[in-house]
Amino acid sequence: MTQAATPLTVLALVEQMAARLDAAGLSFADGFGQGTTNAFDEAAWLVLWKLGLPLDDLDSVETRAVSPEEEAQVTALLDARISTRKPAAYLANEAWLMGLPFYVDERVIIPRSLIAELLADASIDPWLGEHTHRVLDLCTGNGSLAVLAAITYPDVVVEAADISLDALAVARINVDRHHLDSRITLLESDGLAACAGEYDLILCNPPYVNAASMAALPPEFRAEPGLALAGGADGMDFIRGLFQNAARHMSENAVLVLEIGNERENFERAFPTLEPLWFETSSGADQVLLLTREQLA
């Protein structure tokens, strides 16, 4: 009498898929900043998403049996991940930031801004108060920071601006998904050009990757729109224009919170007289800064 085969479990399938990702030579050592930082976590995310299981609780479903049909579906998804080198978020059309889901596709970069951490842990709050009514999310992309700001500060209105109409179309999906259409206005704008009036808080995760780094990006990043990444020779092109005009769009007590990634050396070379406040984040204390209206004026 032959013994019945042991059914494949969710955990075993995750382990198989993680081994495939490793064998395919995908680099997770530094993380892509696109949702996961290692093969096991990415495999878990893809398996759980494809099977419609809770994305944050592998432990509760790791012994669940996987049918041959489900295994085939997951395998096809992993095949696409490996053959196209597209980020997993594009394959799933979904990314998560600070516990919230957002729709994404190739029209926008995958949401990963460290500014989201500062909204969640109240790091920005000491510079806000009763005067804080208008918030601008500049270079909004898929709208995730605008959504998080509106949720974090329920008494403010938010304008979410981007030069890309494609990006704004994706942002519209996310604003509507989180039922914030009455509080978030989407605006096509080249930098601050179409932004009117004064804001009490400006959040900005602009294109800041320098040219040398752009040339060395792995395929996962090259799948993202270059318009949202490339910041010129030293990464500071957009920021130079922003600093020339920001003060006139800021109320008396307003602050600008700006993400610059790994470009602090280039930032300090470009703006040697500025002395910003640097925030501590999960990626260190040199990637997100704060400037007051007075400093920018």
C-alpha atoms as a PDB file:
ATOM      1  CA  MET A   1       0.000   0.000   0.000  1.00  0.00           C
ATOM      2  CA  THR A   2       1.542   3.270  -1.055  1.00  0.00           C
ATOM      3  CA  GLN A   3       1.699   6.060   1.467  1.00  0.00           C
ATOM      4  CA  ALA A   4      -0.140   9.278   0.569  1.00  0.00           C
ATOM      5  CA  ALA A   5       2.161  12.136  -0.326  1.00  0.00           C
ATOM      6  CA  THR A   6       2.565  14.785   2.320  1.00  0.00           C
ATOM      7  CA  PRO A   7       0.590  17.845   1.181  1.00  0.00           C
ATOM      8  CA  LEU A   8       2.572  20.973   0.339  1.00  0.00           C
ATOM      9  CA  THR A   9       2.144  23.644   3.008  1.00  0.00           C
ATOM     10  CA  VAL A  10       2.243  27.427   2.712  1.00  0.00           C
ATOM     11  CA  LEU A  11       5.555  27.584   4.565  1.00  0.00           C
ATOM     12  CA  ALA A  12       7.110  24.902   2.376  1.00  0.00           C
ATOM     13  CA  LEU A  13       5.955  26.739  -0.735  1.00  0.00           C
ATOM     14  CA  VAL A  14       7.422  30.016   0.571  1.00  0.00           C
ATOM     15  CA  GLU A  15      10.736  28.277   1.218  1.00  0.00           C
ATOM     16  CA  GLN A  16      10.747  26.767  -2.295  1.00  0.00           C
ATOM     17  CA  MET A  17      10.004  30.137  -3.892  1.00  0.00           C
ATOM     18  CA  ALA A  18      12.639  31.893  -1.773  1.00  0.00           C
ATOM     19  CA  ALA A  19      15.223  29.362  -2.965  1.00  0.00           C
ATOM     20  CA  ARG A  20      14.198  30.097  -6.555  1.00  0.00           C
ATOM     21  CA  LEU A  21      14.591  33.839  -6.031  1.00  0.00           C
ATOM     22  CA  ASP A  22      18.042  33.309  -4.549  1.00  0.00           C
ATOM     23  CA  ALA A  23      19.078  30.965  -7.342  1.00  0.00           C
ATOM     24  CA  ALA A  24      17.928  33.492  -9.946  1.00  0.00           C
ATOM     25  CA  GLY A  25      20.557  35.931  -8.717  1.00  0.00           C
ATOM     26  CA  LEU A  26      18.200  38.669  -7.569  1.00  0.00           C
ATOM     27  CA  SER A  27      20.105  40.915  -5.210  1.00  0.00           C
ATOM     28  CA  PHE A  28      18.443  41.619  -1.874  1.00  0.00           C
ATOM     29  CA  ALA A  29      21.601  42.426   0.123  1.00  0.00           C
ATOM     30  CA  ASP A  30      20.926  46.155   0.181  1.00  0.00           C
ATOM     31  CA  GLY A  31      17.220  45.893  -0.454  1.00  0.00           C
ATOM     32  CA  PHE A  32      15.523  47.586  -3.356  1.00  0.00           C
ATOM     33  CA  GLY A  33      13.426  49.805  -1.108  1.00  0.00           C
ATOM     34  CA  GLN A  34      10.471  48.393  -3.012  1.00  0.00           C
ATOM     35  CA  GLY A  35       8.754  46.420  -0.280  1.00  0.00           C
ATOM     36  CA  THR A  36      11.118  43.643   0.842  1.00  0.00           C
ATOM     37  CA  THR A  37      14.830  43.307   1.584  1.00  0.00           C
ATOM     38  CA  ASN A  38      15.434  39.569   1.223  1.00  0.00           C
ATOM     39  CA  ALA A  39      14.297  36.589  -0.821  1.00  0.00           C
ATOM     40  CA  PHE A  40      12.310  34.901   1.951  1.00  0.00           C
ATOM     41  CA  ASP A  41      10.239  38.004   2.742  1.00  0.00           C
ATOM     42  CA  GLU A  42       9.517  38.612  -0.928  1.00  0.00           C
ATOM     43  CA  ALA A  43       8.542  34.987  -1.476  1.00  0.00           C
ATOM     44  CA  ALA A  44       6.263  35.133   1.559  1.00  0.00           C
ATOM     45  CA  TRP A  45       4.638  38.322   0.301  1.00  0.00           C
ATOM     46  CA  LEU A  46       4.015  36.901  -3.168  1.00  0.00           C
ATOM     47  CA  VAL A  47       2.705  33.547  -1.902  1.00  0.00           C
ATOM     48  CA  LEU A  48       0.375  35.089   0.668  1.00  0.00           C
ATOM     49  CA  TRP A  49      -0.885  37.713  -1.763  1.00  0.00           C
ATOM     50  CA  LYS A  50      -1.546  35.195  -4.525  1.00  0.00           C
ATOM     51  CA  LEU A  51      -3.387  32.849  -2.139  1.00  0.00           C
ATOM     52  CA  GLY A  52      -5.438  35.677  -0.642  1.00  0.00           C
ATOM     53  CA  LEU A  53      -4.024  35.135   2.839  1.00  0.00           C
ATOM     54  CA  PRO A  54      -3.126  37.758   5.484  1.00  0.00           C
ATOM     55  CA  LEU A  55       0.075  39.448   4.337  1.00  0.00           C
ATOM     56  CA  ASP A  56       1.389  40.105   7.833  1.00  0.00           C
ATOM     57  CA  ASP A  57       0.747  36.770   9.518  1.00  0.00           C
ATOM     58  CA  LEU A  58       2.581  33.869   7.900  1.00  0.00           C
ATOM     59  CA  ASP A  59       2.753  32.065  11.257  1.00  0.00           C
ATOM     60  CA  SER A  60      -1.019  31.595  11.413  1.00  0.00           C
ATOM     61  CA  VAL A  61      -1.237  29.945   7.975  1.00  0.00           C
ATOM     62  CA  GLU A  62       2.147  28.256   7.548  1.00  0.00           C
ATOM     63  CA  THR A  63       0.709  24.730   7.936  1.00  0.00           C
ATOM     64  CA  ARG A  64      -2.231  25.323   5.578  1.00  0.00           C
ATOM     65  CA  ALA A  65      -2.225  22.879   2.669  1.00  0.00           C
ATOM     66  CA  VAL A  66      -1.642  24.231  -0.832  1.00  0.00           C
ATOM     67  CA  SER A  67      -3.501  22.656  -3.729  1.00  0.00           C
ATOM     68  CA  PRO A  68      -1.754  21.835  -7.028  1.00  0.00           C
ATOM     69  CA  GLU A  69      -3.756  24.605  -8.697  1.00  0.00           C
ATOM     70  CA  GLU A  70      -2.599  27.147  -6.118  1.00  0.00           C
ATOM     71  CA  GLU A  71       0.985  25.972  -6.448  1.00  0.00           C
ATOM     72  CA  ALA A  72       0.783  26.478 -10.215  1.00  0.00           C
ATOM     73  CA  GLN A  73      -0.557  30.014  -9.778  1.00  0.00           C
ATOM     74  CA  VAL A  74       2.227  30.948  -7.376  1.00  0.00           C
ATOM     75  CA  THR A  75       4.843  29.375  -9.625  1.00  0.00           C
ATOM     76  CA  ALA A  76       3.611  31.409 -12.596  1.00  0.00           C
ATOM     77  CA  LEU A  77       3.851  34.594 -10.532  1.00  0.00           C
ATOM     78  CA  LEU A  78       7.421  33.770  -9.477  1.00  0.00           C
ATOM     79  CA  ASP A  79       8.302  32.971 -13.085  1.00  0.00           C
ATOM     80  CA  ALA A  80       7.138  36.456 -14.056  1.00  0.00           C
ATOM     81  CA  ARG A  81       9.084  38.054 -11.208  1.00  0.00           C
ATOM     82  CA  ILE A  82      12.299  36.337 -12.263  1.00  0.00           C
ATOM     83  CA  SER A  83      11.953  36.668 -16.035  1.00  0.00           C
ATOM     84  CA  THR A  84      10.870  40.324 -16.122  1.00  0.00           C
ATOM     85  CA  ARG A  85      12.735  41.584 -13.038  1.00  0.00           C
ATOM     86  CA  LYS A  86       9.694  43.746 -12.418  1.00  0.00           C
ATOM     87  CA  PRO A  87       9.193  44.611  -8.745  1.00  0.00           C
ATOM     88  CA  ALA A  88       6.686  42.390  -7.000  1.00  0.00           C
ATOM     89  CA  ALA A  89       4.438  45.386  -6.330  1.00  0.00           C
ATOM     90  CA  TYR A  90       3.937  45.905 -10.069  1.00  0.00           C
ATOM     91  CA  LEU A  91       3.035  42.276 -10.563  1.00  0.00           C
ATOM     92  CA  ALA A  92       0.485  42.477  -7.751  1.00  0.00           C
ATOM     93  CA  ASN A  93      -0.559  46.089  -8.447  1.00  0.00           C
ATOM     94  CA  GLU A  94      -0.328  46.677  -4.729  1.00  0.00           C
ATOM     95  CA  ALA A  95       2.142  48.073  -2.217  1.00  0.00           C
ATOM     96  CA  TRP A  96       1.837  48.737   1.500  1.00  0.00           C
ATOM     97  CA  LEU A  97       3.125  51.754   3.405  1.00  0.00           C
ATOM     98  CA  MET A  98       2.679  52.181   7.156  1.00  0.00           C
ATOM     99  CA  GLY A  99       0.067  49.442   7.198  1.00  0.00           C
ATOM    100  CA  LEU A 100      -2.076  50.850   4.376  1.00  0.00           C
ATOM    101  CA  PRO A 101      -2.516  49.316   0.910  1.00  0.00           C
ATOM    102  CA  PHE A 102      -1.966  51.388  -2.221  1.00  0.00           C
ATOM    103  CA  TYR A 103      -2.577  50.634  -5.871  1.00  0.00           C
ATOM    104  CA  VAL A 104       0.578  50.863  -7.999  1.00  0.00           C
ATOM    105  CA  ASP A 105       1.612  50.205 -11.575  1.00  0.00           C
ATOM    106  CA  GLU A 106       4.458  51.231 -13.856  1.00  0.00           C
ATOM    107  CA  ARG A 107       3.173  54.817 -14.028  1.00  0.00           C
ATOM    108  CA  VAL A 108       4.505  55.541 -10.528  1.00  0.00           C
ATOM    109  CA  ILE A 109       7.422  54.589  -8.334  1.00  0.00           C
ATOM    110  CA  ILE A 110       6.620  52.142  -5.567  1.00  0.00           C
ATOM    111  CA  PRO A 111       5.778  54.025  -2.354  1.00  0.00           C
ATOM    112  CA  ARG A 112       8.591  53.808   0.179  1.00  0.00           C
ATOM    113  CA  SER A 113       9.134  57.354   1.415  1.00  0.00           C
ATOM    114  CA  LEU A 114      10.728  57.662   4.836  1.00  0.00           C
ATOM    115  CA  ILE A 115       8.513  60.694   5.399  1.00  0.00           C
ATOM    116  CA  ALA A 116       5.744  58.182   6.081  1.00  0.00           C
ATOM    117  CA  GLU A 117       7.609  57.080   9.203  1.00  0.00           C
ATOM    118  CA  LEU A 118       7.757  60.658  10.454  1.00  0.00           C
ATOM    119  CA  LEU A 119       4.016  61.074   9.979  1.00  0.00           C
ATOM    120  CA  ALA A 120       3.376  57.860  11.871  1.00  0.00           C
ATOM    121  CA  ASP A 121       5.673  58.539  14.832  1.00  0.00           C
ATOM    122  CA  ALA A 122       4.738  62.239  15.219  1.00  0.00           C
ATOM    123  CA  SER A 123       8.294  63.443  14.568  1.00  0.00           C
ATOM    124  CA  ILE A 124       6.959  66.420  12.593  1.00  0.00           C
ATOM    125  CA  ASP A 125       4.283  67.377  15.127  1.00  0.00           C
ATOM    126  CA  PRO A 126       6.405  69.821  17.205  1.00  0.00           C
ATOM    127  CA  TRP A 127       6.460  72.167  14.164  1.00  0.00           C
ATOM    128  CA  LEU A 128       2.702  71.966  13.668  1.00  0.00           C
ATOM    129  CA  GLY A 129      -0.168  73.455  15.631  1.00  0.00           C
ATOM    130  CA  GLU A 130      -3.435  75.335  15.369  1.00  0.00           C
ATOM    131  CA  HIS A 131      -1.969  77.240  12.428  1.00  0.00           C
ATOM    132  CA  THR A 132      -1.621  74.049  10.370  1.00  0.00           C
ATOM    133  CA  HIS A 133      -4.490  73.924   7.902  1.00  0.00           C
ATOM    134  CA  ARG A 134      -3.048  73.483   4.395  1.00  0.00           C
ATOM    135  CA  VAL A 135      -0.635  70.674   3.536  1.00  0.00           C
ATOM    136  CA  LEU A 136       1.094  70.160   0.192  1.00  0.00           C
ATOM    137  CA  ASP A 137       2.438  66.791  -0.917  1.00  0.00           C
ATOM    138  CA  LEU A 138       4.769  67.811  -3.734  1.00  0.00           C
ATOM    139  CA  CYS A 139       5.818  65.089  -6.202  1.00  0.00           C
ATOM    140  CA  THR A 140       2.961  62.996  -4.878  1.00  0.00           C
ATOM    141  CA  GLY A 141       3.408  60.008  -7.212  1.00  0.00           C
ATOM    142  CA  ASN A 142       0.769  57.469  -6.275  1.00  0.00           C
ATOM    143  CA  GLY A 143      -0.605  59.763  -3.575  1.00  0.00           C
ATOM    144  CA  SER A 144       0.462  57.691  -0.586  1.00  0.00           C
ATOM    145  CA  LEU A 145       1.967  60.545   1.450  1.00  0.00           C
ATOM    146  CA  ALA A 146      -1.072  62.714   0.780  1.00  0.00           C
ATOM    147  CA  VAL A 147      -3.326  59.918   2.018  1.00  0.00           C
ATOM    148  CA  LEU A 148      -1.200  59.316   5.107  1.00  0.00           C
ATOM    149  CA  ALA A 149      -1.063  63.048   5.896  1.00  0.00           C
ATOM    150  CA  ALA A 150      -4.828  63.388   5.594  1.00  0.00           C
ATOM    151  CA  ILE A 151      -5.362  60.416   7.888  1.00  0.00           C
ATOM    152  CA  THR A 152      -2.719  61.575  10.391  1.00  0.00           C
ATOM    153  CA  TYR A 153      -4.032  65.155  10.544  1.00  0.00           C
ATOM    154  CA  PRO A 154      -7.830  64.944  10.223  1.00  0.00           C
ATOM    155  CA  ASP A 155      -8.309  68.732  10.468  1.00  0.00           C
ATOM    156  CA  VAL A 156      -6.179  69.654   7.433  1.00  0.00           C
ATOM    157  CA  VAL A 157      -6.813  69.797   3.714  1.00  0.00           C
ATOM    158  CA  VAL A 158      -4.162  68.370   1.412  1.00  0.00           C
ATOM    159  CA  GLU A 159      -3.096  69.263  -2.105  1.00  0.00           C
ATOM    160  CA  ALA A 160      -1.180  66.544  -3.927  1.00  0.00           C
ATOM    161  CA  ALA A 161       0.859  67.867  -6.863  1.00  0.00           C
ATOM    162  CA  ASP A 162       2.813  66.117  -9.599  1.00  0.00           C
ATOM    163  CA  ILE A 163       4.041  66.972 -13.078  1.00  0.00           C
ATOM    164  CA  SER A 164       2.921  63.567 -14.370  1.00  0.00           C
ATOM    165  CA  LEU A 165      -0.707  63.122 -15.388  1.00  0.00           C
ATOM    166  CA  ASP A 166      -0.108  59.367 -15.343  1.00  0.00           C
ATOM    167  CA  ALA A 167       0.973  59.557 -11.717  1.00  0.00           C
ATOM    168  CA  LEU A 168      -2.030  61.687 -10.818  1.00  0.00           C
ATOM    169  CA  ALA A 169      -4.322  59.093 -12.394  1.00  0.00           C
ATOM    170  CA  VAL A 170      -2.866  56.498 -10.018  1.00  0.00           C
ATOM    171  CA  ALA A 171      -3.097  58.928  -7.107  1.00  0.00           C
ATOM    172  CA  ARG A 172      -6.800  59.367  -7.903  1.00  0.00           C
ATOM    173  CA  ILE A 173      -7.304  55.621  -7.491  1.00  0.00           C
ATOM    174  CA  ASN A 174      -5.708  55.716  -4.039  1.00  0.00           C
ATOM    175  CA  VAL A 175      -7.456  58.870  -2.858  1.00  0.00           C
ATOM    176  CA  ASP A 176     -10.785  57.325  -3.795  1.00  0.00           C
ATOM    177  CA  ARG A 177      -9.808  53.958  -2.335  1.00  0.00           C
ATOM    178  CA  HIS A 178      -9.273  55.562   1.057  1.00  0.00           C
ATOM    179  CA  HIS A 179     -12.371  57.773   0.757  1.00  0.00           C
ATOM    180  CA  LEU A 180     -10.456  61.049   0.990  1.00  0.00           C
ATOM    181  CA  ASP A 181     -11.661  62.787  -2.163  1.00  0.00           C
ATOM    182  CA  SER A 182     -13.294  65.553  -0.092  1.00  0.00           C
ATOM    183  CA  ARG A 183     -10.010  66.433   1.617  1.00  0.00           C
ATOM    184  CA  ILE A 184      -7.311  65.772  -0.991  1.00  0.00           C
ATOM    185  CA  THR A 185      -7.104  67.832  -4.173  1.00  0.00           C
ATOM    186  CA  LEU A 186      -4.928  66.535  -7.004  1.00  0.00           C
ATOM    187  CA  LEU A 187      -3.001  69.127  -8.972  1.00  0.00           C
ATOM    188  CA  GLU A 188      -0.909  68.956 -12.124  1.00  0.00           C
ATOM    189  CA  SER A 189       2.123  71.115 -11.428  1.00  0.00           C
ATOM    190  CA  ASP A 190       5.725  71.401 -12.552  1.00  0.00           C
ATOM    191  CA  GLY A 191       7.238  71.836  -9.116  1.00  0.00           C
ATOM    192  CA  LEU A 192       5.391  74.686  -7.415  1.00  0.00           C
ATOM    193  CA  ALA A 193       4.394  76.422 -10.652  1.00  0.00           C
ATOM    194  CA  ALA A 194       0.661  75.681 -10.408  1.00  0.00           C
ATOM    195  CA  CYS A 195       0.460  75.730  -6.610  1.00  0.00           C
ATOM    196  CA  ALA A 196      -1.457  78.762  -5.331  1.00  0.00           C
ATOM    197  CA  GLY A 197      -1.373  80.470  -1.963  1.00  0.00           C
ATOM    198  CA  GLU A 198       0.559  79.496   1.123  1.00  0.00           C
ATOM    199  CA  TYR A 199       0.939  76.127   2.796  1.00  0.00           C
ATOM    200  CA  ASP A 200       1.565  75.381   6.452  1.00  0.00           C
ATOM    201  CA  LEU A 201       3.407  72.129   5.773  1.00  0.00           C
ATOM    202  CA  ILE A 202       5.096  70.967   2.581  1.00  0.00           C
ATOM    203  CA  LEU A 203       6.086  67.329   2.218  1.00  0.00           C
ATOM    204  CA  CYS A 204       8.341  66.489  -0.710  1.00  0.00           C
ATOM    205  CA  ASN A 205       9.933  63.258  -1.882  1.00  0.00           C
ATOM    206  CA  PRO A 206      11.384  64.555  -5.166  1.00  0.00           C
ATOM    207  CA  PRO A 207      13.565  63.000  -7.862  1.00  0.00           C
ATOM    208  CA  TYR A 208      17.001  63.083  -6.238  1.00  0.00           C
ATOM    209  CA  VAL A 209      19.087  60.179  -7.566  1.00  0.00           C
ATOM    210  CA  ASN A 210      22.375  61.438  -9.013  1.00  0.00           C
ATOM    211  CA  ALA A 211      23.411  60.512 -12.546  1.00  0.00           C
ATOM    212  CA  ALA A 212      26.088  57.989 -11.559  1.00  0.00           C
ATOM    213  CA  SER A 213      23.674  56.160  -9.265  1.00  0.00           C
ATOM    214  CA  MET A 214      20.971  56.203 -11.944  1.00  0.00           C
ATOM    215  CA  ALA A 215      23.350  54.464 -14.355  1.00  0.00           C
ATOM    216  CA  ALA A 216      24.005  51.715 -11.812  1.00  0.00           C
ATOM    217  CA  LEU A 217      20.408  50.990 -10.801  1.00  0.00           C
ATOM    218  CA  PRO A 218      19.333  47.323 -10.877  1.00  0.00           C
ATOM    219  CA  PRO A 219      16.525  46.277 -13.243  1.00  0.00           C
ATOM    220  CA  GLU A 220      13.931  46.542 -10.472  1.00  0.00           C
ATOM    221  CA  PHE A 221      14.535  50.287 -10.213  1.00  0.00           C
ATOM    222  CA  ARG A 222      14.812  50.729 -13.963  1.00  0.00           C
ATOM    223  CA  ALA A 223      11.251  49.428 -14.184  1.00  0.00           C
ATOM    224  CA  GLU A 224      10.140  52.570 -12.370  1.00  0.00           C
ATOM    225  CA  PRO A 225       9.560  55.894 -14.188  1.00  0.00           C
ATOM    226  CA  GLY A 226      12.882  57.703 -14.450  1.00  0.00           C
ATOM    227  CA  LEU A 227      11.102  61.061 -14.191  1.00  0.00           C
ATOM    228  CA  ALA A 228      10.407  60.307 -10.536  1.00  0.00           C
ATOM    229  CA  LEU A 229      13.983  59.250  -9.760  1.00  0.00           C
ATOM    230  CA  ALA A 230      16.555  61.186 -11.785  1.00  0.00           C
ATOM    231  CA  GLY A 231      17.802  64.361 -10.117  1.00  0.00           C
ATOM    232  CA  GLY A 232      20.533  65.416 -12.541  1.00  0.00           C
ATOM    233  CA  ALA A 233      24.299  65.196 -12.225  1.00  0.00           C
ATOM    234  CA  ASP A 234      24.358  65.616  -8.443  1.00  0.00           C
ATOM    235  CA  GLY A 235      20.719  64.764  -7.714  1.00  0.00           C
ATOM    236  CA  MET A 236      19.886  68.331  -6.736  1.00  0.00           C
ATOM    237  CA  ASP A 237      18.287  69.752  -9.898  1.00  0.00           C
ATOM    238  CA  PHE A 238      14.681  69.667  -8.683  1.00  0.00           C
ATOM    239  CA  ILE A 239      15.659  70.795  -5.202  1.00  0.00           C
ATOM    240  CA  ARG A 240      17.461  73.883  -6.504  1.00  0.00           C
ATOM    241  CA  GLY A 241      14.285  75.033  -8.207  1.00  0.00           C
ATOM    242  CA  LEU A 242      12.216  74.187  -5.154  1.00  0.00           C
ATOM    243  CA  PHE A 243      14.388  76.267  -2.845  1.00  0.00           C
ATOM    244  CA  GLN A 244      14.169  79.282  -5.153  1.00  0.00           C
ATOM    245  CA  ASN A 245      10.383  79.371  -4.858  1.00  0.00           C
ATOM    246  CA  ALA A 246       9.416  77.571  -1.647  1.00  0.00           C
ATOM    247  CA  ALA A 247       9.326  80.513   0.768  1.00  0.00           C
ATOM    248  CA  ARG A 248       6.670  82.409  -1.185  1.00  0.00           C
ATOM    249  CA  HIS A 249       4.414  79.354  -0.904  1.00  0.00           C
ATOM    250  CA  MET A 250       4.908  78.942   2.861  1.00  0.00           C
ATOM    251  CA  SER A 251       2.967  80.605   5.659  1.00  0.00           C
ATOM    252  CA  GLU A 252       4.861  82.351   8.444  1.00  0.00           C
ATOM    253  CA  ASN A 253       5.350  79.250  10.605  1.00  0.00           C
ATOM    254  CA  ALA A 254       5.453  76.698   7.815  1.00  0.00           C
ATOM    255  CA  VAL A 255       8.087  74.004   7.418  1.00  0.00           C
ATOM    256  CA  LEU A 256       9.321  71.946   4.493  1.00  0.00           C
ATOM    257  CA  VAL A 257      10.053  68.258   5.069  1.00  0.00           C
ATOM    258  CA  LEU A 258      12.282  66.962   2.286  1.00  0.00           C
ATOM    259  CA  GLU A 259      13.616  63.495   1.517  1.00  0.00           C
ATOM    260  CA  ILE A 260      16.992  63.261  -0.263  1.00  0.00           C
ATOM    261  CA  GLY A 261      17.929  59.593   0.159  1.00  0.00           C
ATOM    262  CA  ASN A 262      21.666  58.951   0.115  1.00  0.00           C
ATOM    263  CA  GLU A 263      22.498  62.374  -1.302  1.00  0.00           C
ATOM    264  CA  ARG A 264      23.467  64.270   1.867  1.00  0.00           C
ATOM    265  CA  GLU A 265      27.009  64.909   0.631  1.00  0.00           C
ATOM    266  CA  ASN A 266      25.688  66.378  -2.614  1.00  0.00           C
ATOM    267  CA  PHE A 267      23.044  68.344  -0.710  1.00  0.00           C
ATOM    268  CA  GLU A 268      25.597  69.949   1.584  1.00  0.00           C
ATOM    269  CA  ARG A 269      27.860  70.741  -1.360  1.00  0.00           C
ATOM    270  CA  ALA A 270      24.986  72.382  -3.231  1.00  0.00           C
ATOM    271  CA  PHE A 271      23.598  74.300  -0.232  1.00  0.00           C
ATOM    272  CA  PRO A 272      26.557  74.929   2.090  1.00  0.00           C
ATOM    273  CA  THR A 273      24.913  77.737   4.079  1.00  0.00           C
ATOM    274  CA  LEU A 274      21.766  75.827   5.011  1.00  0.00           C
ATOM    275  CA  GLU A 275      21.622  74.106   8.381  1.00  0.00           C
ATOM    276  CA  PRO A 276      18.585  71.816   8.272  1.00  0.00           C
ATOM    277  CA  LEU A 277      17.281  69.599  11.015  1.00  0.00           C
ATOM    278  CA  TRP A 278      17.930  65.953  10.147  1.00  0.00           C
ATOM    279  CA  PHE A 279      15.378  63.372  11.262  1.00  0.00           C
ATOM    280  CA  GLU A 280      16.220  59.925  12.577  1.00  0.00           C
ATOM    281  CA  THR A 281      14.584  57.242  10.412  1.00  0.00           C
ATOM    282  CA  SER A 282      14.907  53.507   9.879  1.00  0.00           C
ATOM    283  CA  SER A 283      17.526  54.308   7.216  1.00  0.00           C
ATOM    284  CA  GLY A 284      19.601  56.588   9.418  1.00  0.00           C
ATOM    285  CA  ALA A 285      19.758  60.262  10.294  1.00  0.00           C
ATOM    286  CA  ASP A 286      20.835  61.767   6.977  1.00  0.00           C
ATOM    287  CA  GLN A 287      18.012  61.111   4.514  1.00  0.00           C
ATOM    288  CA  VAL A 288      15.113  63.373   5.554  1.00  0.00           C
ATOM    289  CA  LEU A 289      15.464  67.002   6.617  1.00  0.00           C
ATOM    290  CA  LEU A 290      13.363  69.917   7.773  1.00  0.00           C
ATOM    291  CA  LEU A 291      13.716  73.584   6.834  1.00  0.00           C
ATOM    292  CA  THR A 292      11.680  76.538   8.042  1.00  0.00           C
ATOM    293  CA  ARG A 293      10.311  79.332   5.895  1.00  0.00           C
ATOM    294  CA  GLU A 294      12.820  81.686   7.508  1.00  0.00           C
ATOM    295  CA  GLN A 295      15.732  79.529   6.417  1.00  0.00           C
ATOM    296  CA  LEU A 296      14.452  79.296   2.839  1.00  0.00           C
ATOM    297  CA  ALA A 297      13.703  83.020   2.598  1.00  0.00           C
END
